[in-house]
PDB file of N, CA and C in Angstrom:
ATOM      1  N   MET A   1       0.844  -1.173   0.000  1.00  0.00           N
ATOM      2  CA  MET A   1       0.000   0.000   0.000  1.00  0.00           C
ATOM      3  C   MET A   1       0.892   1.240   0.000  1.00  0.00           C
ATOM      4  N   SER A   2       0.583   2.135  -0.863  1.00  0.00           N
ATOM      5  CA  SER A   2       1.379   3.354  -0.983  1.00  0.00           C
ATOM      6  C   SER A   2       0.811   4.458  -0.093  1.00  0.00           C
ATOM      7  N   ILE A   3       1.688   5.131   0.612  1.00  0.00           N
ATOM      8  CA  ILE A   3       1.277   6.271   1.433  1.00  0.00           C
ATOM      9  C   ILE A   3       2.153   7.463   1.052  1.00  0.00           C
ATOM     10  N   THR A   4       1.652   8.652   1.297  1.00  0.00           N
ATOM     11  CA  THR A   4       2.441   9.862   1.096  1.00  0.00           C
ATOM     12  C   THR A   4       3.069  10.232   2.429  1.00  0.00           C
ATOM     13  N   ILE A   5       4.394  10.319   2.459  1.00  0.00           N
ATOM     14  CA  ILE A   5       5.110  10.662   3.688  1.00  0.00           C
ATOM     15  C   ILE A   5       5.574  12.106   3.571  1.00  0.00           C
ATOM     16  N   HIS A   6       4.983  12.969   4.356  1.00  0.00           N
ATOM     17  CA  HIS A   6       5.337  14.384   4.345  1.00  0.00           C
ATOM     18  C   HIS A   6       6.643  14.606   5.106  1.00  0.00           C
ATOM     19  N   GLY A   7       7.437  15.520   4.617  1.00  0.00           N
ATOM     20  CA  GLY A   7       8.730  15.816   5.224  1.00  0.00           C
ATOM     21  C   GLY A   7       9.848  14.938   4.706  1.00  0.00           C
ATOM     22  N   ALA A   8       9.512  13.957   3.892  1.00  0.00           N
ATOM     23  CA  ALA A   8      10.521  13.023   3.386  1.00  0.00           C
ATOM     24  C   ALA A   8      11.349  13.673   2.281  1.00  0.00           C
ATOM     25  N   ILE A   9      12.640  13.322   2.256  1.00  0.00           N
ATOM     26  CA  ILE A   9      13.508  13.820   1.191  1.00  0.00           C
ATOM     27  C   ILE A   9      13.863  12.717   0.194  1.00  0.00           C
ATOM     28  N   ASP A  10      13.348  11.500   0.451  1.00  0.00           N
ATOM     29  CA  ASP A  10      13.533  10.428  -0.520  1.00  0.00           C
ATOM     30  C   ASP A  10      12.286   9.554  -0.549  1.00  0.00           C
ATOM     31  N   GLY A  11      12.254   8.609  -1.431  1.00  0.00           N
ATOM     32  CA  GLY A  11      11.089   7.771  -1.638  1.00  0.00           C
ATOM     33  C   GLY A  11      10.822   6.738  -0.564  1.00  0.00           C
ATOM     34  N   GLN A  12      11.681   6.661   0.455  1.00  0.00           N
ATOM     35  CA  GLN A  12      11.484   5.692   1.528  1.00  0.00           C
ATOM     36  C   GLN A  12      11.247   6.364   2.884  1.00  0.00           C
ATOM     37  N   GLY A  13      11.004   7.656   2.893  1.00  0.00           N
ATOM     38  CA  GLY A  13      10.617   8.348   4.110  1.00  0.00           C
ATOM     39  C   GLY A  13      11.726   8.937   4.948  1.00  0.00           C
ATOM     40  N   ARG A  14      12.949   8.897   4.464  1.00  0.00           N
ATOM     41  CA  ARG A  14      14.023   9.539   5.226  1.00  0.00           C
ATOM     42  C   ARG A  14      13.838  11.057   5.143  1.00  0.00           C
ATOM     43  N   CYS A  15      14.301  11.762   6.164  1.00  0.00           N
ATOM     44  CA  CYS A  15      14.135  13.212   6.181  1.00  0.00           C
ATOM     45  C   CYS A  15      15.454  13.885   6.541  1.00  0.00           C
ATOM     46  N   GLU A  16      15.419  15.195   6.632  1.00  0.00           N
ATOM     47  CA  GLU A  16      16.644  15.930   6.954  1.00  0.00           C
ATOM     48  C   GLU A  16      17.123  15.672   8.376  1.00  0.00           C
ATOM     49  N   HIS A  17      16.235  15.230   9.255  1.00  0.00           N
ATOM     50  CA  HIS A  17      16.595  14.989  10.658  1.00  0.00           C
ATOM     51  C   HIS A  17      17.140  13.583  10.883  1.00  0.00           C
ATOM     52  N   TRP A  18      16.565  12.604  10.211  1.00  0.00           N
ATOM     53  CA  TRP A  18      16.904  11.189  10.382  1.00  0.00           C
ATOM     54  C   TRP A  18      16.994  10.585   8.986  1.00  0.00           C
ATOM     55  N   HIS A  19      18.184  10.238   8.552  1.00  0.00           N
ATOM     56  CA  HIS A  19      18.330   9.816   7.167  1.00  0.00           C
ATOM     57  C   HIS A  19      19.348   8.690   6.958  1.00  0.00           C
ATOM     58  N   SER A  20      19.487   7.828   7.952  1.00  0.00           N
ATOM     59  CA  SER A  20      20.354   6.667   7.749  1.00  0.00           C
ATOM     60  C   SER A  20      19.601   5.615   6.932  1.00  0.00           C
ATOM     61  N   GLU A  21      20.260   4.558   6.582  1.00  0.00           N
ATOM     62  CA  GLU A  21      19.658   3.474   5.803  1.00  0.00           C
ATOM     63  C   GLU A  21      18.408   2.911   6.489  1.00  0.00           C
ATOM     64  N   VAL A  22      18.371   2.918   7.819  1.00  0.00           N
ATOM     65  CA  VAL A  22      17.260   2.306   8.553  1.00  0.00           C
ATOM     66  C   VAL A  22      16.209   3.298   9.052  1.00  0.00           C
ATOM     67  N   ASP A  23      16.300   4.554   8.666  1.00  0.00           N
ATOM     68  CA  ASP A  23      15.310   5.564   9.078  1.00  0.00           C
ATOM     69  C   ASP A  23      14.188   5.635   8.049  1.00  0.00           C
ATOM     70  N   VAL A  24      13.355   4.602   8.028  1.00  0.00           N
ATOM     71  CA  VAL A  24      12.310   4.491   7.022  1.00  0.00           C
ATOM     72  C   VAL A  24      10.908   4.363   7.616  1.00  0.00           C
ATOM     73  N   VAL A  25      10.735   4.604   8.891  1.00  0.00           N
ATOM     74  CA  VAL A  25       9.420   4.484   9.520  1.00  0.00           C
ATOM     75  C   VAL A  25       8.719   5.838   9.482  1.00  0.00           C
ATOM     76  N   ALA A  26       7.520   5.852   8.919  1.00  0.00           N
ATOM     77  CA  ALA A  26       6.684   7.048   8.907  1.00  0.00           C
ATOM     78  C   ALA A  26       5.697   6.950  10.061  1.00  0.00           C
ATOM     79  N   ASN A  27       5.274   8.098  10.563  1.00  0.00           N
ATOM     80  CA  ASN A  27       4.341   8.132  11.680  1.00  0.00           C
ATOM     81  C   ASN A  27       3.148   9.004  11.326  1.00  0.00           C
ATOM     82  N   ARG A  28       1.972   8.583  11.782  1.00  0.00           N
ATOM     83  CA  ARG A  28       0.736   9.293  11.474  1.00  0.00           C
ATOM     84  C   ARG A  28       0.336  10.187  12.636  1.00  0.00           C
ATOM     85  N   CYS A  29       0.006  11.425  12.323  1.00  0.00           N
ATOM     86  CA  CYS A  29      -0.437  12.390  13.329  1.00  0.00           C
ATOM     87  C   CYS A  29      -1.940  12.236  13.542  1.00  0.00           C
ATOM     88  N   ALA A  30      -2.357  12.088  14.790  1.00  0.00           N
ATOM     89  CA  ALA A  30      -3.777  11.943  15.116  1.00  0.00           C
ATOM     90  C   ALA A  30      -4.548  13.232  14.858  1.00  0.00           C
ATOM     91  N   THR A  31      -3.884  14.366  14.892  1.00  0.00           N
ATOM     92  CA  THR A  31      -4.561  15.642  14.704  1.00  0.00           C
ATOM     93  C   THR A  31      -4.922  15.880  13.241  1.00  0.00           C
ATOM     94  N   CYS A  32      -3.972  15.686  12.340  1.00  0.00           N
ATOM     95  CA  CYS A  32      -4.220  15.970  10.922  1.00  0.00           C
ATOM     96  C   CYS A  32      -4.410  14.715  10.077  1.00  0.00           C
ATOM     97  N   GLY A  33      -4.061  13.549  10.611  1.00  0.00           N
ATOM     98  CA  GLY A  33      -4.239  12.300   9.889  1.00  0.00           C
ATOM     99  C   GLY A  33      -3.194  12.036   8.809  1.00  0.00           C
ATOM    100  N   MET A  34      -2.212  12.904   8.697  1.00  0.00           N
ATOM    101  CA  MET A  34      -1.186  12.756   7.661  1.00  0.00           C
ATOM    102  C   MET A  34      -0.001  11.952   8.183  1.00  0.00           C
ATOM    103  N   TRP A  35       0.708  11.299   7.253  1.00  0.00           N
ATOM    104  CA  TRP A  35       1.907  10.531   7.565  1.00  0.00           C
ATOM    105  C   TRP A  35       3.110  11.457   7.466  1.00  0.00           C
ATOM    106  N   TRP A  36       4.022  11.358   8.444  1.00  0.00           N
ATOM    107  CA  TRP A  36       5.196  12.230   8.511  1.00  0.00           C
ATOM    108  C   TRP A  36       6.467  11.415   8.682  1.00  0.00           C
ATOM    109  N   ALA A  37       7.554  11.938   8.130  1.00  0.00           N
ATOM    110  CA  ALA A  37       8.855  11.289   8.283  1.00  0.00           C
ATOM    111  C   ALA A  37       9.299  11.324   9.743  1.00  0.00           C
ATOM    112  N   CYS A  38       8.976  12.404  10.459  1.00  0.00           N
ATOM    113  CA  CYS A  38       9.263  12.492  11.892  1.00  0.00           C
ATOM    114  C   CYS A  38       8.472  13.648  12.488  1.00  0.00           C
ATOM    115  N   SER A  39       8.432  13.713  13.800  1.00  0.00           N
ATOM    116  CA  SER A  39       7.668  14.776  14.464  1.00  0.00           C
ATOM    117  C   SER A  39       8.306  16.152  14.243  1.00  0.00           C
ATOM    118  N   LEU A  40       9.610  16.195  14.048  1.00  0.00           N
ATOM    119  CA  LEU A  40      10.276  17.476  13.788  1.00  0.00           C
ATOM    120  C   LEU A  40       9.858  18.032  12.429  1.00  0.00           C
ATOM    121  N   CYS A  41       9.753  17.166  11.434  1.00  0.00           N
ATOM    122  CA  CYS A  41       9.266  17.592  10.112  1.00  0.00           C
ATOM    123  C   CYS A  41       7.842  18.132  10.242  1.00  0.00           C
ATOM    124  N   HIS A  42       7.022  17.447  11.025  1.00  0.00           N
ATOM    125  CA  HIS A  42       5.643  17.873  11.248  1.00  0.00           C
ATOM    126  C   HIS A  42       5.606  19.257  11.887  1.00  0.00           C
ATOM    127  N   THR A  43       6.412  19.463  12.911  1.00  0.00           N
ATOM    128  CA  THR A  43       6.438  20.744  13.619  1.00  0.00           C
ATOM    129  C   THR A  43       6.836  21.887  12.691  1.00  0.00           C
ATOM    130  N   GLN A  44       7.795  21.629  11.808  1.00  0.00           N
ATOM    131  CA  GLN A  44       8.255  22.666  10.882  1.00  0.00           C
ATOM    132  C   GLN A  44       7.191  23.041   9.855  1.00  0.00           C
ATOM    133  N   ALA A  45       6.306  22.114   9.512  1.00  0.00           N
ATOM    134  CA  ALA A  45       5.393  22.341   8.399  1.00  0.00           C
ATOM    135  C   ALA A  45       3.925  22.543   8.784  1.00  0.00           C
ATOM    136  N   SER A  46       3.586  22.391  10.041  1.00  0.00           N
ATOM    137  CA  SER A  46       2.171  22.473  10.410  1.00  0.00           C
ATOM    138  C   SER A  46       1.938  23.520  11.500  1.00  0.00           C
ATOM    139  N   ASP A  47       0.665  23.760  11.760  1.00  0.00           N
ATOM    140  CA  ASP A  47       0.293  24.766  12.750  1.00  0.00           C
ATOM    141  C   ASP A  47      -0.250  24.151  14.038  1.00  0.00           C
ATOM    142  N   HIS A  48       0.035  22.869  14.251  1.00  0.00           N
ATOM    143  CA  HIS A  48      -0.449  22.182  15.448  1.00  0.00           C
ATOM    144  C   HIS A  48       0.606  21.181  15.930  1.00  0.00           C
ATOM    145  N   ALA A  49       0.468  20.792  17.183  1.00  0.00           N
ATOM    146  CA  ALA A  49       1.389  19.805  17.756  1.00  0.00           C
ATOM    147  C   ALA A  49       1.109  18.426  17.170  1.00  0.00           C
ATOM    148  N   PHE A  50       2.120  17.574  17.151  1.00  0.00           N
ATOM    149  CA  PHE A  50       1.947  16.206  16.668  1.00  0.00           C
ATOM    150  C   PHE A  50       1.057  15.463  17.645  1.00  0.00           C
ATOM    151  N   GLY A  51      -0.067  14.974  17.172  1.00  0.00           N
ATOM    152  CA  GLY A  51      -0.999  14.232  18.019  1.00  0.00           C
ATOM    153  C   GLY A  51      -0.689  12.752  18.016  1.00  0.00           C
ATOM    154  N   PRO A  52      -0.419  12.161  19.183  1.00  0.00           N
ATOM    155  CA  PRO A  52      -0.144  10.721  19.235  1.00  0.00           C
ATOM    156  C   PRO A  52      -1.392   9.912  18.892  1.00  0.00           C
ATOM    157  N   MET A  53      -1.186   8.799  18.236  1.00  0.00           N
ATOM    158  CA  MET A  53      -2.280   7.946  17.771  1.00  0.00           C
ATOM    159  C   MET A  53      -2.706   6.942  18.844  1.00  0.00           C
ATOM    160  N   PRO A  54      -3.990   6.518  18.794  1.00  0.00           N
ATOM    161  CA  PRO A  54      -4.442   5.437  19.682  1.00  0.00           C
ATOM    162  C   PRO A  54      -3.643   4.172  19.411  1.00  0.00           C
ATOM    163  N   LEU A  55      -3.509   3.331  20.418  1.00  0.00           N
ATOM    164  CA  LEU A  55      -2.666   2.135  20.301  1.00  0.00           C
ATOM    165  C   LEU A  55      -3.188   1.121  19.284  1.00  0.00           C
ATOM    166  N   ASP A  56      -4.491   1.127  19.028  1.00  0.00           N
ATOM    167  CA  ASP A  56      -5.055   0.133  18.113  1.00  0.00           C
ATOM    168  C   ASP A  56      -5.253   0.649  16.685  1.00  0.00           C
ATOM    169  N   ALA A  57      -4.753   1.842  16.393  1.00  0.00           N
ATOM    170  CA  ALA A  57      -4.909   2.437  15.063  1.00  0.00           C
ATOM    171  C   ALA A  57      -3.610   2.342  14.269  1.00  0.00           C
ATOM    172  N   PRO A  58      -3.695   2.254  12.941  1.00  0.00           N
ATOM    173  CA  PRO A  58      -2.474   2.290  12.130  1.00  0.00           C
ATOM    174  C   PRO A  58      -1.753   3.620  12.362  1.00  0.00           C
ATOM    175  N   ALA A  59      -0.561   3.557  12.923  1.00  0.00           N
ATOM    176  CA  ALA A  59       0.138   4.768  13.329  1.00  0.00           C
ATOM    177  C   ALA A  59       1.585   4.824  12.865  1.00  0.00           C
ATOM    178  N   ALA A  60       2.126   3.707  12.447  1.00  0.00           N
ATOM    179  CA  ALA A  60       3.493   3.641  11.934  1.00  0.00           C
ATOM    180  C   ALA A  60       3.445   2.866  10.622  1.00  0.00           C
ATOM    181  N   ALA A  61       4.294   3.266   9.692  1.00  0.00           N
ATOM    182  CA  ALA A  61       4.312   2.586   8.397  1.00  0.00           C
ATOM    183  C   ALA A  61       5.745   2.456   7.901  1.00  0.00           C
ATOM    184  N   CYS A  62       5.997   1.372   7.216  1.00  0.00           N
ATOM    185  CA  CYS A  62       7.305   1.174   6.594  1.00  0.00           C
ATOM    186  C   CYS A  62       7.368   2.029   5.332  1.00  0.00           C
ATOM    187  N   GLY A  63       8.385   2.852   5.225  1.00  0.00           N
ATOM    188  CA  GLY A  63       8.553   3.702   4.061  1.00  0.00           C
ATOM    189  C   GLY A  63       8.992   2.937   2.824  1.00  0.00           C
ATOM    190  N   VAL A  64       9.440   1.707   3.000  1.00  0.00           N
ATOM    191  CA  VAL A  64       9.887   0.894   1.872  1.00  0.00           C
ATOM    192  C   VAL A  64       8.697   0.184   1.214  1.00  0.00           C
ATOM    193  N   CYS A  65       7.898  -0.533   2.012  1.00  0.00           N
ATOM    194  CA  CYS A  65       6.793  -1.313   1.443  1.00  0.00           C
ATOM    195  C   CYS A  65       5.411  -0.737   1.738  1.00  0.00           C
ATOM    196  N   GLY A  66       5.322   0.231   2.672  1.00  0.00           N
ATOM    197  CA  GLY A  66       4.040   0.852   2.988  1.00  0.00           C
ATOM    198  C   GLY A  66       3.203   0.110   4.012  1.00  0.00           C
ATOM    199  N   LEU A  67       3.717  -0.976   4.596  1.00  0.00           N
ATOM    200  CA  LEU A  67       2.965  -1.718   5.601  1.00  0.00           C
ATOM    201  C   LEU A  67       2.614  -0.811   6.763  1.00  0.00           C
ATOM    202  N   GLN A  68       1.332  -0.737   7.107  1.00  0.00           N
ATOM    203  CA  GLN A  68       0.882   0.077   8.231  1.00  0.00           C
ATOM    204  C   GLN A  68       0.724  -0.796   9.464  1.00  0.00           C
ATOM    205  N   MET A  69       1.138  -0.261  10.611  1.00  0.00           N
ATOM    206  CA  MET A  69       1.142  -1.028  11.850  1.00  0.00           C
ATOM    207  C   MET A  69       0.530  -0.232  12.994  1.00  0.00           C
ATOM    208  N   ASP A  70      -0.217  -0.933  13.853  1.00  0.00           N
ATOM    209  CA  ASP A  70      -0.644  -0.321  15.101  1.00  0.00           C
ATOM    210  C   ASP A  70       0.514  -0.443  16.094  1.00  0.00           C
ATOM    211  N   TYR A  71       0.318   0.017  17.328  1.00  0.00           N
ATOM    212  CA  TYR A  71       1.419   0.030  18.290  1.00  0.00           C
ATOM    213  C   TYR A  71       1.970  -1.370  18.559  1.00  0.00           C
ATOM    214  N   ARG A  72       1.081  -2.344  18.727  1.00  0.00           N
ATOM    215  CA  ARG A  72       1.530  -3.703  19.040  1.00  0.00           C
ATOM    216  C   ARG A  72       2.403  -4.269  17.915  1.00  0.00           C
ATOM    217  N   ALA A  73       1.937  -4.133  16.691  1.00  0.00           N
ATOM    218  CA  ALA A  73       2.699  -4.656  15.548  1.00  0.00           C
ATOM    219  C   ALA A  73       4.018  -3.904  15.386  1.00  0.00           C
ATOM    220  N   TYR A  74       3.976  -2.590  15.580  1.00  0.00           N
ATOM    221  CA  TYR A  74       5.197  -1.802  15.452  1.00  0.00           C
ATOM    222  C   TYR A  74       6.200  -2.167  16.541  1.00  0.00           C
ATOM    223  N   ARG A  75       5.717  -2.359  17.758  1.00  0.00           N
ATOM    224  CA  ARG A  75       6.609  -2.744  18.858  1.00  0.00           C
ATOM    225  C   ARG A  75       7.294  -4.075  18.573  1.00  0.00           C
ATOM    226  N   GLN A  76       6.543  -5.024  18.043  1.00  0.00           N
ATOM    227  CA  GLN A  76       7.133  -6.318  17.684  1.00  0.00           C
ATOM    228  C   GLN A  76       8.171  -6.145  16.577  1.00  0.00           C
ATOM    229  N   ALA A  77       7.870  -5.296  15.598  1.00  0.00           N
ATOM    230  CA  ALA A  77       8.824  -5.034  14.511  1.00  0.00           C
ATOM    231  C   ALA A  77      10.078  -4.366  15.058  1.00  0.00           C
ATOM    232  N   GLN A  78       9.925  -3.446  15.994  1.00  0.00           N
ATOM    233  CA  GLN A  78      11.071  -2.762  16.585  1.00  0.00           C
ATOM    234  C   GLN A  78      11.958  -3.735  17.355  1.00  0.00           C
ATOM    235  N   GLN A  79      11.353  -4.695  18.016  1.00  0.00           N
ATOM    236  CA  GLN A  79      12.136  -5.681  18.761  1.00  0.00           C
ATOM    237  C   GLN A  79      13.003  -6.523  17.822  1.00  0.00           C
ATOM    238  N   LYS A  80      12.530  -6.713  16.584  1.00  0.00           N
ATOM    239  CA  LYS A  80      13.292  -7.465  15.584  1.00  0.00           C
ATOM    240  C   LYS A  80      14.114  -6.533  14.704  1.00  0.00           C
ATOM    241  N   HIS A  81      13.924  -5.225  14.861  1.00  0.00           N
ATOM    242  CA  HIS A  81      14.640  -4.193  14.107  1.00  0.00           C
ATOM    243  C   HIS A  81      14.400  -4.271  12.612  1.00  0.00           C
ATOM    244  N   CYS A  82      13.205  -4.757  12.216  1.00  0.00           N
ATOM    245  CA  CYS A  82      12.920  -4.810  10.782  1.00  0.00           C
ATOM    246  C   CYS A  82      11.419  -4.857  10.520  1.00  0.00           C
ATOM    247  N   CYS A  83      11.067  -4.522   9.314  1.00  0.00           N
ATOM    248  CA  CYS A  83       9.678  -4.536   8.872  1.00  0.00           C
ATOM    249  C   CYS A  83       9.197  -5.978   8.719  1.00  0.00           C
ATOM    250  N   PRO A  84       8.023  -6.308   9.282  1.00  0.00           N
ATOM    251  CA  PRO A  84       7.500  -7.656   9.116  1.00  0.00           C
ATOM    252  C   PRO A  84       7.001  -7.925   7.692  1.00  0.00           C
ATOM    253  N   GLY A  85       6.804  -6.868   6.916  1.00  0.00           N
ATOM    254  CA  GLY A  85       6.332  -7.031   5.552  1.00  0.00           C
ATOM    255  C   GLY A  85       7.426  -7.299   4.543  1.00  0.00           C
ATOM    256  N   CYS A  86       8.483  -6.479   4.587  1.00  0.00           N
ATOM    257  CA  CYS A  86       9.537  -6.598   3.568  1.00  0.00           C
ATOM    258  C   CYS A  86      10.916  -6.930   4.136  1.00  0.00           C
ATOM    259  N   GLY A  87      11.063  -6.884   5.455  1.00  0.00           N
ATOM    260  CA  GLY A  87      12.334  -7.227   6.077  1.00  0.00           C
ATOM    261  C   GLY A  87      13.357  -6.102   6.127  1.00  0.00           C
ATOM    262  N   HIS A  88      13.005  -4.918   5.601  1.00  0.00           N
ATOM    263  CA  HIS A  88      13.962  -3.797   5.643  1.00  0.00           C
ATOM    264  C   HIS A  88      14.220  -3.420   7.097  1.00  0.00           C
ATOM    265  N   GLY A  89      15.455  -3.065   7.403  1.00  0.00           N
ATOM    266  CA  GLY A  89      15.833  -2.701   8.760  1.00  0.00           C
ATOM    267  C   GLY A  89      15.149  -1.439   9.254  1.00  0.00           C
ATOM    268  N   PHE A  90      14.830  -1.413  10.543  1.00  0.00           N
ATOM    269  CA  PHE A  90      14.285  -0.239  11.236  1.00  0.00           C
ATOM    270  C   PHE A  90      15.318   0.253  12.237  1.00  0.00           C
ATOM    271  N   ASN A  91      15.370   1.540  12.457  1.00  0.00           N
ATOM    272  CA  ASN A  91      16.277   2.141  13.423  1.00  0.00           C
ATOM    273  C   ASN A  91      15.808   1.778  14.838  1.00  0.00           C
ATOM    274  N   PRO A  92      16.601   1.045  15.600  1.00  0.00           N
ATOM    275  CA  PRO A  92      16.185   0.678  16.952  1.00  0.00           C
ATOM    276  C   PRO A  92      16.009   1.885  17.862  1.00  0.00           C
ATOM    277  N   GLY A  93      16.665   2.983  17.557  1.00  0.00           N
ATOM    278  CA  GLY A  93      16.536   4.196  18.367  1.00  0.00           C
ATOM    279  C   GLY A  93      15.165   4.846  18.293  1.00  0.00           C
ATOM    280  N   CYS A  94      14.390   4.519  17.272  1.00  0.00           N
ATOM    281  CA  CYS A  94      13.048   5.103  17.135  1.00  0.00           C
ATOM    282  C   CYS A  94      12.146   4.741  18.312  1.00  0.00           C
ATOM    283  N   ALA A  95      12.392   3.592  18.926  1.00  0.00           N
ATOM    284  CA  ALA A  95      11.580   3.158  20.061  1.00  0.00           C
ATOM    285  C   ALA A  95      11.663   4.150  21.223  1.00  0.00           C
ATOM    286  N   LEU A  96      12.728   4.929  21.282  1.00  0.00           N
ATOM    287  CA  LEU A  96      12.885   5.917  22.349  1.00  0.00           C
ATOM    288  C   LEU A  96      11.875   7.055  22.241  1.00  0.00           C
ATOM    289  N   HIS A  97      11.233   7.204  21.080  1.00  0.00           N
ATOM    290  CA  HIS A  97      10.308   8.308  20.837  1.00  0.00           C
ATOM    291  C   HIS A  97       8.857   7.855  20.776  1.00  0.00           C
ATOM    292  N   ALA A  98       8.557   6.652  21.240  1.00  0.00           N
ATOM    293  CA  ALA A  98       7.215   6.079  21.133  1.00  0.00           C
ATOM    294  C   ALA A  98       6.144   6.973  21.751  1.00  0.00           C
ATOM    295  N   GLU A  99       6.452   7.658  22.833  1.00  0.00           N
ATOM    296  CA  GLU A  99       5.446   8.489  23.502  1.00  0.00           C
ATOM    297  C   GLU A  99       5.019   9.692  22.652  1.00  0.00           C
ATOM    298  N   ILE A 100       5.817  10.079  21.692  1.00  0.00           N
ATOM    299  CA  ILE A 100       5.456  11.166  20.787  1.00  0.00           C
ATOM    300  C   ILE A 100       4.401  10.679  19.796  1.00  0.00           C
ATOM    301  N   TYR A 101       4.526   9.454  19.355  1.00  0.00           N
ATOM    302  CA  TYR A 101       3.726   8.931  18.255  1.00  0.00           C
ATOM    303  C   TYR A 101       2.512   8.104  18.680  1.00  0.00           C
ATOM    304  N   PHE A 102       2.526   7.569  19.906  1.00  0.00           N
ATOM    305  CA  PHE A 102       1.452   6.707  20.388  1.00  0.00           C
ATOM    306  C   PHE A 102       0.906   7.194  21.725  1.00  0.00           C
ATOM    307  N   GLN A 103      -0.367   6.969  21.967  1.00  0.00           N
ATOM    308  CA  GLN A 103      -1.000   7.339  23.232  1.00  0.00           C
ATOM    309  C   GLN A 103      -0.656   6.280  24.279  1.00  0.00           C
ATOM    310  N   LEU A 104       0.536   6.368  24.828  1.00  0.00           N
ATOM    311  CA  LEU A 104       0.986   5.393  25.822  1.00  0.00           C
ATOM    312  C   LEU A 104       0.516   5.760  27.212  1.00  0.00           C
TER     313      LEU A 104
END
């Protein structure tokens, strides 16, 4: 499934803030419903704070294959450091920012 990732500087969701090979996870803002490369990109481009998503809603997506994940699925993917859909690596450091993206 294809999604539009705002703030991205490449086709896999990397942005000016986080752009290593494994920085491909997009996050959905509960306030505007749009997918963003990161909360910093969102802050620079919008007029509202990044709204964390409910735990049971699609809130994270792989920028490589577009797989959308709720908190449980994303947490499991983070523990394996890769997308369950395509196997592309995920940045393990992203888990440190979960409270920004999910209603924990």
